[in-house]
Protein backbone atom coordinates (compact mmCIF):
# COMPACT_ATOMS: atom_id res chain seq x y z
CA MET A 1 0.07 0.17 -0.10
CA ALA A 2 1.64 3.26 -1.16
CA CYS A 3 0.09 5.04 2.49
CA GLY A 4 3.17 5.92 4.43
CA ASN A 5 4.99 3.39 6.54
CA SER A 6 4.23 1.98 9.80
CA SER A 7 6.83 3.77 11.64
CA THR A 8 5.16 7.38 11.10
CA ALA A 9 2.22 5.57 12.94
CA SER A 10 4.05 5.65 16.00
CA SER A 11 4.91 9.09 17.65
CA SER A 12 4.26 10.56 20.70
CA GLY A 13 0.74 11.12 20.50
CA ASP A 14 0.70 14.82 19.94
CA GLY A 15 -1.87 14.01 16.20
CA THR A 16 1.69 14.66 14.19
CA ALA A 17 1.47 11.09 13.04
CA GLN A 18 -1.84 10.94 11.99
CA SER A 19 -1.39 13.93 10.14
CA VAL A 20 2.25 12.35 8.29
CA VAL A 21 -0.40 9.22 7.55
CA LYS A 22 -3.43 11.24 6.17
CA THR A 23 -0.82 13.69 4.05
CA SER A 24 1.14 10.84 2.71
CA ALA A 25 -2.27 8.94 1.52
CA THR A 26 -3.45 11.80 0.09
CA ASN A 27 0.00 12.54 -1.81
CA ALA A 28 -0.43 8.87 -3.32
CA LEU A 29 -4.15 10.07 -5.00
CA VAL A 30 -3.65 14.00 -5.93
CA GLY A 31 -3.62 14.97 -9.58
CA LYS A 32 -4.71 11.49 -10.36
CA THR A 33 -7.64 9.89 -12.45
CA PHE A 34 -8.63 6.40 -11.82
CA THR A 35 -11.70 4.54 -14.36
CA SER A 36 -12.73 1.15 -12.99
CA THR A 37 -11.70 -2.11 -14.82
CA SER A 38 -13.80 -4.30 -12.63
CA VAL A 39 -16.80 -4.49 -9.61
CA ASP A 40 -17.33 -7.26 -7.85
CA GLY A 41 -20.86 -6.91 -6.29
CA ALA A 42 -23.48 -4.93 -6.98
CA ALA A 43 -22.84 -3.79 -11.08
CA ILE A 44 -22.77 0.02 -11.98
CA PRO A 45 -26.05 0.52 -13.78
CA GLY A 46 -25.40 0.87 -17.59
CA GLY A 47 -21.82 -0.39 -17.03
CA GLY A 48 -19.97 2.80 -15.73
CA PRO A 49 -17.09 2.97 -15.59
CA LEU A 50 -16.85 4.16 -12.10
CA MET A 51 -14.21 7.24 -13.19
CA LEU A 52 -12.61 9.11 -9.82
CA THR A 53 -10.07 12.70 -9.90
CA PHE A 54 -8.49 13.57 -7.12
CA PRO A 55 -7.78 17.09 -8.24
CA GLU A 56 -6.34 18.88 -5.29
CA PRO A 57 -5.54 17.62 -1.48
CA GLY A 58 -8.95 17.19 0.29
CA ARG A 59 -11.33 17.22 -3.12
CA VAL A 60 -12.83 14.36 -5.33
CA SER A 61 -14.28 14.61 -8.73
CA LEU A 62 -16.38 11.81 -9.59
CA THR A 63 -18.93 9.91 -12.10
CA ALA A 64 -20.37 6.32 -12.42
CA GLY A 65 -21.27 7.45 -16.23
CA CYS A 66 -24.05 9.65 -15.72
CA ASN A 67 -23.73 12.53 -13.82
CA ARG A 68 -20.51 14.23 -12.86
CA HIS A 69 -20.27 14.81 -8.87
CA ILE A 70 -17.53 16.90 -6.93
CA GLY A 71 -17.10 17.38 -3.28
CA PRO A 72 -14.47 16.80 0.01
CA VAL A 73 -12.54 13.80 0.37
CA THR A 74 -10.95 12.65 3.72
CA VAL A 75 -8.15 10.02 2.94
CA ASP A 76 -6.16 8.23 5.82
CA LYS A 77 -3.97 5.24 5.64
CA THR A 78 -6.74 2.66 4.82
CA THR A 79 -10.00 4.34 4.65
CA LEU A 80 -11.31 7.26 2.01
CA THR A 81 -14.59 9.02 3.13
CA ILE A 82 -16.56 11.42 0.32
CA GLY A 83 -18.39 13.90 1.97
CA GLU A 84 -21.33 15.58 0.42
CA LEU A 85 -21.43 15.74 -3.36
CA ALA A 86 -22.79 18.75 -5.74
CA SER A 87 -23.71 17.27 -8.82
CA THR A 88 -24.82 18.18 -12.25
CA MET A 89 -28.42 17.26 -13.07
CA MET A 90 -28.62 15.41 -16.30
CA ALA A 91 -31.22 13.19 -16.75
CA CYS A 92 -29.52 9.95 -18.15
CA PRO A 93 -31.35 7.20 -20.26
CA PRO A 94 -31.79 3.49 -19.12
CA PRO A 95 -29.67 1.96 -18.30
CA LYS A 96 -26.95 4.76 -17.05
CA ASP A 97 -30.01 6.52 -15.24
CA GLY A 98 -29.24 4.18 -12.19
CA ALA A 99 -25.58 5.34 -11.73
CA ASP A 100 -26.17 8.27 -9.68
CA ALA A 101 -27.88 5.82 -7.07
CA TRP A 102 -25.50 3.47 -7.51
CA LEU A 103 -22.56 5.97 -6.81
CA ALA A 104 -24.54 7.14 -3.92
CA ASP A 105 -24.85 4.07 -1.89
CA PHE A 106 -21.41 2.91 -2.84
CA THR A 107 -19.72 6.70 -1.15
CA ASP A 108 -22.32 7.02 1.47
CA GLN A 109 -20.12 4.92 3.76
CA PRO A 110 -16.13 4.98 4.10
CA LEU A 111 -14.90 2.75 1.69
CA LYS A 112 -11.66 0.75 2.34
CA TRP A 113 -9.26 1.55 -0.16
CA SER A 114 -5.55 0.10 -1.23
CA LEU A 115 -3.22 1.48 -3.90
CA HIS A 116 -0.61 -1.02 -5.41
CA GLY A 117 1.32 0.59 -8.22
CA HIS A 118 -1.54 2.16 -10.71
CA GLU A 119 -4.07 -0.33 -9.13
CA LEU A 120 -6.53 1.28 -6.70
CA THR A 121 -9.31 -0.84 -5.03
CA LEU A 122 -11.93 0.63 -3.06
CA LYS A 123 -14.63 -1.57 -1.12
CA ASP A 124 -17.52 -0.70 0.82
CA GLY A 125 -18.36 -4.27 2.09
CA PRO A 126 -20.82 -6.06 -0.84
CA ARG A 127 -18.62 -4.38 -3.46
CA THR A 128 -14.87 -3.93 -4.66
CA VAL A 129 -13.84 -1.74 -7.19
CA VAL A 130 -10.96 -1.96 -9.20
CA LEU A 131 -9.60 0.85 -10.61
CA ILE A 132 -6.70 1.93 -12.95
CA ALA A 133 -4.60 4.98 -12.82
CA ASP A 134 -4.84 6.71 -16.17
CA THR A 135 -1.51 8.26 -16.64
CA ASN A 136 -2.82 10.61 -19.96
CA ALA A 137 -5.99 11.58 -18.19
CA ALA A 138 -6.62 15.26 -18.37
CA GLY A 139 -8.88 15.10 -14.81
CA LEU A 140 -13.09 15.30 -14.61
CA PRO A 141 -13.95 19.08 -14.21
């Protein structure tokens, strides 16, 4: 996992280690766009794909194939928590009309995450989504 090392987790208890871990974890994602290659569990309606961009620390932009969403994100060593999202309000035709509900359900609780090379894995319990970093992507607006 590209989230810092275990030595940063054992500091004097002044909050510094937690800050270092969060910064290290965030830096592993900032400036990158990831696109889903597989979903284990409930599939994305319309096939997605799920795309996540981390344009700057503490921000995420995402889509599951219909509307685009943007909002706050907190990243720590193993958990990625997406806050309240603002979104476009397009009416998408079936079957993509269910993509936003799928995304809201997937992101309504903290996600377990791991990054191995260019492969980001997100888990919400019943679902596991594997995404690959797009080194050529300009990112989502």
